[in-house]
């Protein structure tokens, strides 16, 4: 993930809030860093990767549309750590 401007952070945060409202996640905390995201959530029946894909895909497309180019924004696949 990549955040280079304050509007990138706002855009992603809005998408995240919407996804949480429309999911069965129990949301605890998040941290958006320039090149990565940390989420503390309790997921429900739907696997975490499915919900994350619905957030990151549209965000990536909007990120590149604002800059007038395309490419790969995600450097690696999601890593889910169960606690």
Protein backbone atom coordinates (compact mmCIF):
# COMPACT_ATOMS: atom_id res chain seq x y z
CA UNK A 1 0.00 0.00 0.00
CA UNK A 2 1.17 3.52 -0.53
CA UNK A 3 0.17 6.82 1.01
CA UNK A 4 1.98 9.86 -0.36
CA UNK A 5 -0.45 12.70 0.42
CA UNK A 6 -2.94 13.47 3.16
CA UNK A 7 -5.81 12.85 0.75
CA UNK A 8 -4.53 9.28 0.27
CA UNK A 9 -4.88 8.67 4.01
CA UNK A 10 -8.35 10.26 4.09
CA UNK A 11 -9.49 8.24 1.08
CA UNK A 12 -8.34 4.94 2.56
CA UNK A 13 -9.75 5.75 6.00
CA UNK A 14 -13.16 6.51 4.47
CA UNK A 15 -13.12 3.23 2.57
CA UNK A 16 -12.08 1.37 5.71
CA UNK A 17 -14.85 2.94 7.81
CA UNK A 18 -17.44 2.06 5.18
CA UNK A 19 -16.21 -1.52 4.96
CA UNK A 20 -16.31 -1.92 8.75
CA UNK A 21 -19.87 -0.55 8.91
CA UNK A 22 -20.95 -3.05 6.26
CA UNK A 23 -19.19 -6.08 7.70
CA UNK A 24 -19.35 -8.25 10.77
CA UNK A 25 -15.91 -7.10 11.93
CA UNK A 26 -15.34 -5.97 15.49
CA UNK A 27 -12.99 -3.06 14.87
CA UNK A 28 -10.41 -2.19 17.53
CA UNK A 29 -7.65 -0.04 16.00
CA UNK A 30 -5.75 0.82 12.85
CA UNK A 31 -2.49 2.45 11.85
CA UNK A 32 -1.78 3.75 8.36
CA UNK A 33 1.92 4.11 7.61
CA UNK A 34 3.39 5.41 4.33
CA UNK A 35 3.88 1.89 2.93
CA UNK A 36 1.76 -0.42 5.09
CA UNK A 37 -1.44 -0.85 7.05
CA UNK A 38 -1.98 -2.38 10.47
CA UNK A 39 -5.48 -3.36 11.57
CA UNK A 40 -6.70 -4.84 14.83
CA UNK A 41 -10.06 -6.44 14.10
CA UNK A 42 -12.04 -9.47 15.10
CA UNK A 43 -13.38 -10.91 11.88
CA UNK A 44 -16.69 -12.67 11.57
CA UNK A 45 -17.76 -15.40 9.20
CA UNK A 46 -16.21 -13.87 6.08
CA UNK A 47 -12.43 -14.41 5.75
CA UNK A 48 -10.36 -11.26 6.35
CA UNK A 49 -8.78 -11.31 2.88
CA UNK A 50 -12.18 -10.97 1.20
CA UNK A 51 -13.04 -7.79 3.08
CA UNK A 52 -9.53 -6.38 2.65
CA UNK A 53 -9.69 -6.98 -1.09
CA UNK A 54 -12.88 -4.91 -1.26
CA UNK A 55 -11.02 -2.01 0.37
CA UNK A 56 -7.60 -2.19 -1.26
CA UNK A 57 -8.70 -2.85 -4.86
CA UNK A 58 -10.84 0.28 -5.22
CA UNK A 59 -8.29 2.33 -3.25
CA UNK A 60 -5.46 1.25 -5.57
CA UNK A 61 -7.46 2.17 -8.67
CA UNK A 62 -8.36 5.59 -7.22
CA UNK A 63 -4.73 6.18 -6.17
CA UNK A 64 -3.50 5.68 -9.73
CA UNK A 65 -6.44 7.50 -11.33
CA UNK A 66 -5.54 10.62 -9.28
CA UNK A 67 -1.97 10.38 -10.59
CA UNK A 68 -2.85 9.51 -14.18
CA UNK A 69 -0.99 6.20 -14.36
CA UNK A 70 -1.26 2.55 -13.37
CA UNK A 71 0.81 -0.23 -11.92
CA UNK A 72 1.05 -2.49 -8.92
CA UNK A 73 0.41 -0.74 -5.62
CA UNK A 74 0.45 -3.70 -3.26
CA UNK A 75 3.90 -5.12 -2.65
CA UNK A 76 2.82 -8.33 -1.01
CA UNK A 77 -0.24 -10.33 -0.22
CA UNK A 78 -2.06 -9.77 3.05
CA UNK A 79 -0.67 -11.32 6.16
CA UNK A 80 -3.18 -12.24 8.81
CA UNK A 81 -2.00 -12.97 12.33
CA UNK A 82 -4.45 -14.65 14.66
CA UNK A 83 -4.24 -13.65 18.32
